[in-house]
Amino acid sequence: MHFVKAKGILSAQNGMNLYRGCLHGCIYCDSRSSCYQMKHAFEDVEIKENAVELLAAALARKRKKCMIGTGSMTDPYIPLELELGHLRQALQLIYEYGFGFTVITKSSLILRDLDLLQKINEKTKCVVQMTLTTYDEALCRKLEPNVSPTEERFAVLKQLRDAGIPTVVWLSPILPFINDTKENIAGLLDMCIEAKVWGIICFGMGLTLREGSREYFYQQLDRLFPGLKEKYISFFGNQYMLASPNNQRLMQLFQQKCRKNGIVHSNQQIFEYLSEFPEKNKSEQLNIFNCKLR
């Protein structure tokens, strides 16, 4: 790891990245792509040492409350977070300033902050987004070697359900010829149904590859699935979008199960929900309700 002084922390869409780079080791990670212009080795995690101070200043300046998001580029619940605690400090600020929060993660470490997530959700709004890709644990260990196993993530979703925190699952990516099976998708969807997730984001059964992430992905295929790289190259060439040959059949299964169980599966609807901040915080709503009753 290495430390840098950042100039800013919030994007125009109110997203933040406390860290750059990752140690999860997922073989398909798009954040390795050259277009993100990361100047250091991906595993040499960059820590924005002044991130918490920048966030405090940014939240104090904002005239209108909104949702603050993190995790789109780097999962903030990497092991270093246990040592540094930057995200927990950020969550405390988000709660104190009355903003909402959403995070994308693959880690059960999020349960460390369950108390703050609940407090934010009680005051405004908190949504936890969890990525699920692989029902089979042995295969999960190959594709995502350093993250919480699928069963642990499933347990987290159920604990968040019991804590009243809404959840959204990213069913992505689904790798052609690897985890693009009916058994895998059905198993993951059954988990989502039992955990009562609010919605599932799915852009289709497949993955995207571009310069930087493609090379790493193919190196891992050579190591883990000898001969599969050649099949990918023969089947897809240099395409950016690599759709599974089973895409249509699996998407039908996905849509049918979501409709039957009342799970929101319109990507547009989910993204609107994630960005929507309640006009009045929940304590204000409760006070207004109590006044009307008197």
C-alpha atoms as a PDB file:
ATOM      1  CA  MET A   1       0.000   0.000   0.000  1.00  0.00           C
ATOM      2  CA  HIS A   2       0.983   3.621  -0.396  1.00  0.00           C
ATOM      3  CA  PHE A   3      -0.476   6.953   0.705  1.00  0.00           C
ATOM      4  CA  VAL A   4      -1.386  10.017  -1.364  1.00  0.00           C
ATOM      5  CA  LYS A   5      -2.905  13.419  -0.703  1.00  0.00           C
ATOM      6  CA  ALA A   6      -6.108  13.704  -2.728  1.00  0.00           C
ATOM      7  CA  LYS A   7      -7.498  16.967  -4.110  1.00  0.00           C
ATOM      8  CA  GLY A   8     -11.127  15.905  -3.852  1.00  0.00           C
ATOM      9  CA  ILE A   9     -13.239  12.974  -2.710  1.00  0.00           C
ATOM     10  CA  LEU A  10     -16.758  13.244  -4.183  1.00  0.00           C
ATOM     11  CA  SER A  11     -17.508  12.845  -7.881  1.00  0.00           C
ATOM     12  CA  ALA A  12     -20.184  14.829  -9.697  1.00  0.00           C
ATOM     13  CA  GLN A  13     -22.541  11.906  -8.981  1.00  0.00           C
ATOM     14  CA  ASN A  14     -21.621  11.947  -5.258  1.00  0.00           C
ATOM     15  CA  GLY A  15     -19.566   8.773  -5.421  1.00  0.00           C
ATOM     16  CA  MET A  16     -16.328   8.372  -3.498  1.00  0.00           C
ATOM     17  CA  ASN A  17     -13.356   6.033  -3.561  1.00  0.00           C
ATOM     18  CA  LEU A  18     -11.343   5.972  -0.359  1.00  0.00           C
ATOM     19  CA  TYR A  19      -8.921   3.480  -1.922  1.00  0.00           C
ATOM     20  CA  ARG A  20      -7.654   2.727  -5.448  1.00  0.00           C
ATOM     21  CA  GLY A  21      -6.619  -0.805  -6.248  1.00  0.00           C
ATOM     22  CA  CYS A  22      -7.755  -4.020  -4.605  1.00  0.00           C
ATOM     23  CA  LEU A  23      -6.613  -7.269  -3.045  1.00  0.00           C
ATOM     24  CA  HIS A  24      -9.726  -9.357  -3.755  1.00  0.00           C
ATOM     25  CA  GLY A  25      -8.059 -10.995  -6.765  1.00  0.00           C
ATOM     26  CA  CYS A  26     -11.249 -11.439  -8.832  1.00  0.00           C
ATOM     27  CA  ILE A  27     -10.118 -12.723 -12.226  1.00  0.00           C
ATOM     28  CA  TYR A  28     -12.670 -10.656 -14.182  1.00  0.00           C
ATOM     29  CA  CYS A  29     -12.212  -7.245 -12.499  1.00  0.00           C
ATOM     30  CA  ASP A  30     -12.966  -4.361 -14.872  1.00  0.00           C
ATOM     31  CA  SER A  31     -11.171  -1.891 -12.581  1.00  0.00           C
ATOM     32  CA  ARG A  32      -7.879  -3.230 -13.950  1.00  0.00           C
ATOM     33  CA  SER A  33      -8.733  -1.704 -17.352  1.00  0.00           C
ATOM     34  CA  SER A  34      -6.196   0.726 -18.777  1.00  0.00           C
ATOM     35  CA  CYS A  35      -8.862   3.382 -19.351  1.00  0.00           C
ATOM     36  CA  TYR A  36      -8.893   4.149 -15.602  1.00  0.00           C
ATOM     37  CA  GLN A  37      -5.261   5.293 -15.842  1.00  0.00           C
ATOM     38  CA  MET A  38      -4.081   3.726 -12.621  1.00  0.00           C
ATOM     39  CA  LYS A  39      -0.394   4.632 -12.343  1.00  0.00           C
ATOM     40  CA  HIS A  40       0.521   1.958  -9.796  1.00  0.00           C
ATOM     41  CA  ALA A  41       0.263  -1.804  -9.543  1.00  0.00           C
ATOM     42  CA  PHE A  42      -3.337  -2.840  -8.944  1.00  0.00           C
ATOM     43  CA  GLU A  43      -2.466  -4.772  -5.767  1.00  0.00           C
ATOM     44  CA  ASP A  44      -0.462  -1.817  -4.397  1.00  0.00           C
ATOM     45  CA  VAL A  45      -3.527  -0.174  -2.892  1.00  0.00           C
ATOM     46  CA  GLU A  46      -3.509   3.616  -2.953  1.00  0.00           C
ATOM     47  CA  ILE A  47      -4.860   5.162   0.249  1.00  0.00           C
ATOM     48  CA  LYS A  48      -6.187   8.701   0.181  1.00  0.00           C
ATOM     49  CA  GLU A  49      -4.886   9.716   3.576  1.00  0.00           C
ATOM     50  CA  ASN A  50      -6.919  12.952   3.714  1.00  0.00           C
ATOM     51  CA  ALA A  51     -10.156  11.396   2.411  1.00  0.00           C
ATOM     52  CA  VAL A  52     -12.100  11.763   5.659  1.00  0.00           C
ATOM     53  CA  GLU A  53     -11.169  15.442   6.021  1.00  0.00           C
ATOM     54  CA  LEU A  54     -12.129  16.076   2.392  1.00  0.00           C
ATOM     55  CA  LEU A  55     -15.463  14.340   2.890  1.00  0.00           C
ATOM     56  CA  ALA A  56     -16.276  16.385   6.001  1.00  0.00           C
ATOM     57  CA  ALA A  57     -15.603  19.598   4.092  1.00  0.00           C
ATOM     58  CA  ALA A  58     -17.606  18.440   1.065  1.00  0.00           C
ATOM     59  CA  LEU A  59     -20.650  17.430   3.115  1.00  0.00           C
ATOM     60  CA  ALA A  60     -20.574  20.690   5.062  1.00  0.00           C
ATOM     61  CA  ARG A  61     -20.637  22.653   1.788  1.00  0.00           C
ATOM     62  CA  LYS A  62     -23.538  20.795   0.220  1.00  0.00           C
ATOM     63  CA  ARG A  63     -26.792  22.732   0.248  1.00  0.00           C
ATOM     64  CA  LYS A  64     -28.948  19.729  -0.625  1.00  0.00           C
ATOM     65  CA  LYS A  65     -28.802  16.310   0.988  1.00  0.00           C
ATOM     66  CA  CYS A  66     -28.267  13.291  -1.284  1.00  0.00           C
ATOM     67  CA  MET A  67     -27.124   9.699  -1.387  1.00  0.00           C
ATOM     68  CA  ILE A  68     -23.371   9.139  -1.021  1.00  0.00           C
ATOM     69  CA  GLY A  69     -22.095   6.016  -2.763  1.00  0.00           C
ATOM     70  CA  THR A  70     -18.910   3.987  -2.754  1.00  0.00           C
ATOM     71  CA  GLY A  71     -17.586   0.687  -4.081  1.00  0.00           C
ATOM     72  CA  SER A  72     -18.053   1.121  -7.826  1.00  0.00           C
ATOM     73  CA  MET A  73     -14.297   1.121  -8.531  1.00  0.00           C
ATOM     74  CA  THR A  74     -12.802  -0.403  -5.386  1.00  0.00           C
ATOM     75  CA  ASP A  75     -14.556  -2.433  -2.723  1.00  0.00           C
ATOM     76  CA  PRO A  76     -14.008  -0.330   0.423  1.00  0.00           C
ATOM     77  CA  TYR A  77     -14.150  -3.407   2.649  1.00  0.00           C
ATOM     78  CA  ILE A  78     -10.684  -4.646   1.789  1.00  0.00           C
ATOM     79  CA  PRO A  79      -8.610  -6.006   4.726  1.00  0.00           C
ATOM     80  CA  LEU A  80      -6.780  -2.675   5.042  1.00  0.00           C
ATOM     81  CA  GLU A  81     -10.054  -1.060   6.119  1.00  0.00           C
ATOM     82  CA  LEU A  82      -9.948  -3.068   9.348  1.00  0.00           C
ATOM     83  CA  GLU A  83      -6.623  -1.435  10.138  1.00  0.00           C
ATOM     84  CA  LEU A  84      -7.356   2.086   8.884  1.00  0.00           C
ATOM     85  CA  GLY A  85     -11.079   2.509   9.539  1.00  0.00           C
ATOM     86  CA  HIS A  86     -11.512   5.224   6.904  1.00  0.00           C
ATOM     87  CA  LEU A  87     -14.900   3.984   5.760  1.00  0.00           C
ATOM     88  CA  ARG A  88     -16.232   3.789   9.300  1.00  0.00           C
ATOM     89  CA  GLN A  89     -15.157   7.393   9.863  1.00  0.00           C
ATOM     90  CA  ALA A  90     -16.851   8.354   6.594  1.00  0.00           C
ATOM     91  CA  LEU A  91     -20.058   6.597   7.661  1.00  0.00           C
ATOM     92  CA  GLN A  92     -20.057   8.526  10.924  1.00  0.00           C
ATOM     93  CA  LEU A  93     -19.817  11.798   8.980  1.00  0.00           C
ATOM     94  CA  ILE A  94     -22.559  10.758   6.569  1.00  0.00           C
ATOM     95  CA  TYR A  95     -24.816  10.004   9.527  1.00  0.00           C
ATOM     96  CA  GLU A  96     -23.993  13.203  11.416  1.00  0.00           C
ATOM     97  CA  TYR A  97     -24.562  15.418   8.359  1.00  0.00           C
ATOM     98  CA  GLY A  98     -27.833  13.659   7.500  1.00  0.00           C
ATOM     99  CA  PHE A  99     -26.949  12.152   4.127  1.00  0.00           C
ATOM    100  CA  GLY A 100     -27.942   8.752   2.749  1.00  0.00           C
ATOM    101  CA  PHE A 101     -25.519   5.977   1.884  1.00  0.00           C
ATOM    102  CA  THR A 102     -25.108   3.079  -0.512  1.00  0.00           C
ATOM    103  CA  VAL A 103     -22.173   0.710  -0.993  1.00  0.00           C
ATOM    104  CA  ILE A 104     -21.195  -2.119  -3.345  1.00  0.00           C
ATOM    105  CA  THR A 105     -19.212  -4.891  -1.679  1.00  0.00           C
ATOM    106  CA  LYS A 106     -18.373  -8.593  -1.701  1.00  0.00           C
ATOM    107  CA  SER A 107     -17.212  -8.679   1.888  1.00  0.00           C
ATOM    108  CA  SER A 108     -18.758  -9.794   5.161  1.00  0.00           C
ATOM    109  CA  LEU A 109     -16.575  -7.116   6.808  1.00  0.00           C
ATOM    110  CA  ILE A 110     -19.517  -4.789   6.233  1.00  0.00           C
ATOM    111  CA  LEU A 111     -21.111  -6.263   9.359  1.00  0.00           C
ATOM    112  CA  ARG A 112     -18.523  -4.400  11.425  1.00  0.00           C
ATOM    113  CA  ASP A 113     -20.467  -1.239  10.564  1.00  0.00           C
ATOM    114  CA  LEU A 114     -23.982  -2.628  10.945  1.00  0.00           C
ATOM    115  CA  ASP A 115     -24.694  -0.232  13.808  1.00  0.00           C
ATOM    116  CA  LEU A 116     -23.907   2.828  11.685  1.00  0.00           C
ATOM    117  CA  LEU A 117     -25.714   1.455   8.636  1.00  0.00           C
ATOM    118  CA  GLN A 118     -28.826   1.017  10.775  1.00  0.00           C
ATOM    119  CA  LYS A 119     -28.538   4.519  12.192  1.00  0.00           C
ATOM    120  CA  ILE A 120     -28.230   6.010   8.711  1.00  0.00           C
ATOM    121  CA  ASN A 121     -31.184   3.955   7.479  1.00  0.00           C
ATOM    122  CA  GLU A 122     -33.314   5.020  10.428  1.00  0.00           C
ATOM    123  CA  LYS A 123     -32.470   8.684   9.855  1.00  0.00           C
ATOM    124  CA  THR A 124     -32.452   8.858   6.039  1.00  0.00           C
ATOM    125  CA  LYS A 125     -31.732   5.896   3.766  1.00  0.00           C
ATOM    126  CA  CYS A 126     -29.131   3.160   3.451  1.00  0.00           C
ATOM    127  CA  VAL A 127     -28.953   0.501   0.731  1.00  0.00           C
ATOM    128  CA  VAL A 128     -26.324  -2.251   0.649  1.00  0.00           C
ATOM    129  CA  GLN A 129     -25.413  -3.690  -2.742  1.00  0.00           C
ATOM    130  CA  MET A 130     -23.818  -7.133  -2.736  1.00  0.00           C
ATOM    131  CA  THR A 131     -22.227  -8.843  -5.750  1.00  0.00           C
ATOM    132  CA  LEU A 132     -23.039 -12.526  -6.278  1.00  0.00           C
ATOM    133  CA  THR A 133     -21.588 -14.468  -9.195  1.00  0.00           C
ATOM    134  CA  THR A 134     -21.068 -18.104  -8.270  1.00  0.00           C
ATOM    135  CA  TYR A 135     -23.243 -20.530  -6.321  1.00  0.00           C
ATOM    136  CA  ASP A 136     -20.593 -23.279  -6.236  1.00  0.00           C
ATOM    137  CA  GLU A 137     -18.095 -22.482  -3.473  1.00  0.00           C
ATOM    138  CA  ALA A 138     -15.155 -24.307  -5.068  1.00  0.00           C
ATOM    139  CA  LEU A 139     -15.632 -22.333  -8.282  1.00  0.00           C
ATOM    140  CA  CYS A 140     -16.091 -19.127  -6.285  1.00  0.00           C
ATOM    141  CA  ARG A 141     -12.673 -19.686  -4.709  1.00  0.00           C
ATOM    142  CA  LYS A 142     -11.142 -19.785  -8.194  1.00  0.00           C
ATOM    143  CA  LEU A 143     -12.929 -16.740  -9.604  1.00  0.00           C
ATOM    144  CA  GLU A 144     -12.866 -14.563  -6.458  1.00  0.00           C
ATOM    145  CA  PRO A 145     -10.030 -15.981  -4.341  1.00  0.00           C
ATOM    146  CA  ASN A 146      -9.749 -13.378  -1.581  1.00  0.00           C
ATOM    147  CA  VAL A 147     -13.339 -12.311  -0.958  1.00  0.00           C
ATOM    148  CA  SER A 148     -15.995 -13.654   1.385  1.00  0.00           C
ATOM    149  CA  PRO A 149     -17.383 -16.944   0.031  1.00  0.00           C
ATOM    150  CA  THR A 150     -20.857 -16.850  -1.463  1.00  0.00           C
ATOM    151  CA  GLU A 151     -22.387 -18.476   1.630  1.00  0.00           C
ATOM    152  CA  GLU A 152     -20.925 -15.708   3.811  1.00  0.00           C
ATOM    153  CA  ARG A 153     -22.339 -13.042   1.533  1.00  0.00           C
ATOM    154  CA  PHE A 154     -25.704 -14.812   1.632  1.00  0.00           C
ATOM    155  CA  ALA A 155     -25.562 -14.755   5.444  1.00  0.00           C
ATOM    156  CA  VAL A 156     -24.803 -11.016   5.319  1.00  0.00           C
ATOM    157  CA  LEU A 157     -27.832 -10.391   3.097  1.00  0.00           C
ATOM    158  CA  LYS A 158     -30.059 -12.214   5.577  1.00  0.00           C
ATOM    159  CA  GLN A 159     -28.615 -10.292   8.517  1.00  0.00           C
ATOM    160  CA  LEU A 160     -29.203  -7.005   6.693  1.00  0.00           C
ATOM    161  CA  ARG A 161     -32.762  -8.150   5.940  1.00  0.00           C
ATOM    162  CA  ASP A 162     -33.340  -8.792   9.635  1.00  0.00           C
ATOM    163  CA  ALA A 163     -31.872  -5.363  10.459  1.00  0.00           C
ATOM    164  CA  GLY A 164     -34.357  -3.676   8.098  1.00  0.00           C
ATOM    165  CA  ILE A 165     -31.712  -2.498   5.621  1.00  0.00           C
ATOM    166  CA  PRO A 166     -32.747  -2.873   1.964  1.00  0.00           C
ATOM    167  CA  THR A 167     -30.375  -4.795  -0.292  1.00  0.00           C
ATOM    168  CA  VAL A 168     -29.651  -4.966  -4.002  1.00  0.00           C
ATOM    169  CA  VAL A 169     -27.688  -7.794  -5.616  1.00  0.00           C
ATOM    170  CA  TRP A 170     -25.430  -7.440  -8.653  1.00  0.00           C
ATOM    171  CA  LEU A 171     -25.741 -10.684 -10.645  1.00  0.00           C
ATOM    172  CA  SER A 172     -22.587  -9.960 -12.565  1.00  0.00           C
ATOM    173  CA  PRO A 173     -20.450 -11.013 -14.270  1.00  0.00           C
ATOM    174  CA  ILE A 174     -21.574 -14.384 -15.555  1.00  0.00           C
ATOM    175  CA  LEU A 175     -18.588 -15.878 -17.378  1.00  0.00           C
ATOM    176  CA  PRO A 176     -19.245 -17.805 -20.606  1.00  0.00           C
ATOM    177  CA  PHE A 177     -18.405 -21.516 -20.356  1.00  0.00           C
ATOM    178  CA  ILE A 178     -17.662 -21.164 -16.615  1.00  0.00           C
ATOM    179  CA  ASN A 179     -20.628 -20.101 -14.458  1.00  0.00           C
ATOM    180  CA  ASP A 180     -23.282 -19.509 -17.150  1.00  0.00           C
ATOM    181  CA  THR A 181     -25.392 -22.501 -16.137  1.00  0.00           C
ATOM    182  CA  LYS A 182     -29.004 -22.911 -15.106  1.00  0.00           C
ATOM    183  CA  GLU A 183     -27.879 -24.474 -11.814  1.00  0.00           C
ATOM    184  CA  ASN A 184     -25.682 -21.475 -10.951  1.00  0.00           C
ATOM    185  CA  ILE A 185     -28.258 -18.806 -11.779  1.00  0.00           C
ATOM    186  CA  ALA A 186     -31.104 -20.683 -10.090  1.00  0.00           C
ATOM    187  CA  GLY A 187     -29.005 -21.237  -6.967  1.00  0.00           C
ATOM    188  CA  LEU A 188     -28.074 -17.560  -6.685  1.00  0.00           C
ATOM    189  CA  LEU A 189     -31.656 -16.437  -7.297  1.00  0.00           C
ATOM    190  CA  ASP A 190     -32.934 -18.780  -4.594  1.00  0.00           C
ATOM    191  CA  MET A 191     -30.508 -17.080  -2.202  1.00  0.00           C
ATOM    192  CA  CYS A 192     -31.836 -13.671  -3.227  1.00  0.00           C
ATOM    193  CA  ILE A 193     -35.411 -14.831  -2.725  1.00  0.00           C
ATOM    194  CA  GLU A 194     -34.712 -16.180   0.767  1.00  0.00           C
ATOM    195  CA  ALA A 195     -32.807 -13.014   1.721  1.00  0.00           C
ATOM    196  CA  LYS A 196     -35.718 -10.893   0.432  1.00  0.00           C
ATOM    197  CA  VAL A 197     -33.478  -8.588  -1.586  1.00  0.00           C
ATOM    198  CA  TRP A 198     -35.196  -5.452  -2.907  1.00  0.00           C
ATOM    199  CA  GLY A 199     -33.754  -5.719  -6.416  1.00  0.00           C
ATOM    200  CA  ILE A 200     -31.270  -7.501  -8.662  1.00  0.00           C
ATOM    201  CA  ILE A 201     -29.101  -5.709 -11.225  1.00  0.00           C
ATOM    202  CA  CYS A 202     -28.285  -7.790 -14.289  1.00  0.00           C
ATOM    203  CA  PHE A 203     -26.984  -6.493 -17.612  1.00  0.00           C
ATOM    204  CA  GLY A 204     -27.287  -9.886 -19.268  1.00  0.00           C
ATOM    205  CA  MET A 205     -25.398 -13.123 -18.881  1.00  0.00           C
ATOM    206  CA  GLY A 206     -21.801 -12.394 -19.859  1.00  0.00           C
ATOM    207  CA  LEU A 207     -18.951 -10.039 -19.102  1.00  0.00           C
ATOM    208  CA  THR A 208     -17.024  -7.131 -20.571  1.00  0.00           C
ATOM    209  CA  LEU A 209     -13.321  -7.124 -21.386  1.00  0.00           C
ATOM    210  CA  ARG A 210     -11.077  -4.278 -22.450  1.00  0.00           C
ATOM    211  CA  GLU A 211      -7.395  -3.489 -22.508  1.00  0.00           C
ATOM    212  CA  GLY A 212      -5.810  -4.224 -19.160  1.00  0.00           C
ATOM    213  CA  SER A 213      -8.565  -6.408 -17.744  1.00  0.00           C
ATOM    214  CA  ARG A 214      -8.521  -8.693 -20.805  1.00  0.00           C
ATOM    215  CA  GLU A 215      -4.863  -9.571 -20.438  1.00  0.00           C
ATOM    216  CA  TYR A 216      -5.214 -10.355 -16.736  1.00  0.00           C
ATOM    217  CA  PHE A 217      -8.362 -12.414 -17.308  1.00  0.00           C
ATOM    218  CA  TYR A 218      -6.685 -14.528 -19.983  1.00  0.00           C
ATOM    219  CA  GLN A 219      -3.642 -15.099 -17.771  1.00  0.00           C
ATOM    220  CA  GLN A 220      -5.955 -16.452 -15.090  1.00  0.00           C
ATOM    221  CA  LEU A 221      -7.820 -18.647 -17.565  1.00  0.00           C
ATOM    222  CA  ASP A 222      -4.492 -20.210 -18.589  1.00  0.00           C
ATOM    223  CA  ARG A 223      -3.736 -20.899 -14.928  1.00  0.00           C
ATOM    224  CA  LEU A 224      -7.150 -22.116 -13.805  1.00  0.00           C
ATOM    225  CA  PHE A 225      -8.858 -23.463 -16.932  1.00  0.00           C
ATOM    226  CA  PRO A 226      -6.191 -24.609 -19.429  1.00  0.00           C
ATOM    227  CA  GLY A 227      -7.371 -24.309 -23.027  1.00  0.00           C
ATOM    228  CA  LEU A 228     -10.317 -22.025 -22.261  1.00  0.00           C
ATOM    229  CA  LYS A 229      -8.519 -18.849 -23.370  1.00  0.00           C
ATOM    230  CA  GLU A 230      -8.247 -20.232 -26.893  1.00  0.00           C
ATOM    231  CA  LYS A 231     -11.987 -20.994 -26.865  1.00  0.00           C
ATOM    232  CA  TYR A 232     -12.726 -17.424 -25.790  1.00  0.00           C
ATOM    233  CA  ILE A 233     -10.516 -15.963 -28.530  1.00  0.00           C
ATOM    234  CA  SER A 234     -12.059 -18.231 -31.150  1.00  0.00           C
ATOM    235  CA  PHE A 235     -15.613 -17.499 -30.014  1.00  0.00           C
ATOM    236  CA  PHE A 236     -15.422 -13.786 -29.185  1.00  0.00           C
ATOM    237  CA  GLY A 237     -12.313 -12.349 -30.827  1.00  0.00           C
ATOM    238  CA  ASN A 238     -11.631  -8.917 -29.338  1.00  0.00           C
ATOM    239  CA  GLN A 239     -15.242  -8.054 -28.541  1.00  0.00           C
ATOM    240  CA  TYR A 240     -15.940  -5.760 -25.610  1.00  0.00           C
ATOM    241  CA  MET A 241     -19.237  -7.454 -24.740  1.00  0.00           C
ATOM    242  CA  LEU A 242     -18.934 -11.224 -24.343  1.00  0.00           C
ATOM    243  CA  ALA A 243     -22.470 -12.595 -24.113  1.00  0.00           C
ATOM    244  CA  SER A 244     -22.965 -16.152 -22.951  1.00  0.00           C
ATOM    245  CA  PRO A 245     -24.353 -18.541 -25.579  1.00  0.00           C
ATOM    246  CA  ASN A 246     -26.942 -19.329 -22.869  1.00  0.00           C
ATOM    247  CA  ASN A 247     -27.885 -15.663 -22.405  1.00  0.00           C
ATOM    248  CA  GLN A 248     -31.458 -15.853 -23.699  1.00  0.00           C
ATOM    249  CA  ARG A 249     -32.397 -18.963 -21.741  1.00  0.00           C
ATOM    250  CA  LEU A 250     -30.787 -17.734 -18.522  1.00  0.00           C
ATOM    251  CA  MET A 251     -32.333 -14.260 -18.799  1.00  0.00           C
ATOM    252  CA  GLN A 252     -35.761 -15.862 -19.150  1.00  0.00           C
ATOM    253  CA  LEU A 253     -35.102 -17.829 -15.952  1.00  0.00           C
ATOM    254  CA  PHE A 254     -33.889 -14.659 -14.212  1.00  0.00           C
ATOM    255  CA  GLN A 255     -36.912 -12.580 -15.223  1.00  0.00           C
ATOM    256  CA  GLN A 256     -39.430 -15.293 -14.401  1.00  0.00           C
ATOM    257  CA  LYS A 257     -38.046 -15.880 -10.913  1.00  0.00           C
ATOM    258  CA  CYS A 258     -37.860 -12.154 -10.165  1.00  0.00           C
ATOM    259  CA  ARG A 259     -41.426 -11.524 -11.333  1.00  0.00           C
ATOM    260  CA  LYS A 260     -42.776 -14.495  -9.404  1.00  0.00           C
ATOM    261  CA  ASN A 261     -41.102 -13.364  -6.168  1.00  0.00           C
ATOM    262  CA  GLY A 262     -41.653  -9.609  -6.426  1.00  0.00           C
ATOM    263  CA  ILE A 263     -37.992  -8.709  -6.888  1.00  0.00           C
ATOM    264  CA  VAL A 264     -37.353  -5.501  -8.832  1.00  0.00           C
ATOM    265  CA  HIS A 265     -35.197  -6.352 -11.870  1.00  0.00           C
ATOM    266  CA  SER A 266     -35.404  -3.242 -14.033  1.00  0.00           C
ATOM    267  CA  ASN A 267     -31.887  -1.764 -13.974  1.00  0.00           C
ATOM    268  CA  GLN A 268     -33.254   1.729 -14.590  1.00  0.00           C
ATOM    269  CA  GLN A 269     -35.734   1.453 -11.728  1.00  0.00           C
ATOM    270  CA  ILE A 270     -33.044   0.177  -9.384  1.00  0.00           C
ATOM    271  CA  PHE A 271     -30.556   2.924 -10.249  1.00  0.00           C
ATOM    272  CA  GLU A 272     -33.263   5.546  -9.745  1.00  0.00           C
ATOM    273  CA  TYR A 273     -34.021   4.016  -6.345  1.00  0.00           C
ATOM    274  CA  LEU A 274     -30.342   3.988  -5.363  1.00  0.00           C
ATOM    275  CA  SER A 275     -29.915   7.680  -6.189  1.00  0.00           C
ATOM    276  CA  GLU A 276     -33.238   8.859  -4.754  1.00  0.00           C
ATOM    277  CA  PHE A 277     -32.881  10.654  -1.431  1.00  0.00           C
ATOM    278  CA  PRO A 278     -35.986  11.059   0.775  1.00  0.00           C
ATOM    279  CA  GLU A 279     -37.158  14.679   0.796  1.00  0.00           C
ATOM    280  CA  LYS A 280     -37.536  14.632   4.564  1.00  0.00           C
ATOM    281  CA  ASN A 281     -35.474  12.487   6.870  1.00  0.00           C
ATOM    282  CA  LYS A 282     -37.294   9.782   8.771  1.00  0.00           C
ATOM    283  CA  SER A 283     -37.183  11.514  12.148  1.00  0.00           C
ATOM    284  CA  GLU A 284     -38.810  14.588  10.604  1.00  0.00           C
ATOM    285  CA  GLN A 285     -41.463  12.415   8.973  1.00  0.00           C
ATOM    286  CA  LEU A 286     -42.182  10.746  12.307  1.00  0.00           C
ATOM    287  CA  ASN A 287     -42.454  14.124  14.075  1.00  0.00           C
ATOM    288  CA  ILE A 288     -44.894  15.391  11.444  1.00  0.00           C
ATOM    289  CA  PHE A 289     -46.963  12.198  11.773  1.00  0.00           C
ATOM    290  CA  ASN A 290     -47.054  12.514  15.571  1.00  0.00           C
ATOM    291  CA  CYS A 291     -48.132  16.175  15.331  1.00  0.00           C
ATOM    292  CA  LYS A 292     -51.043  15.222  13.075  1.00  0.00           C
ATOM    293  CA  LEU A 293     -52.209  12.656  15.611  1.00  0.00           C
ATOM    294  CA  ARG A 294     -52.345  15.161  18.473  1.00  0.00           C
END
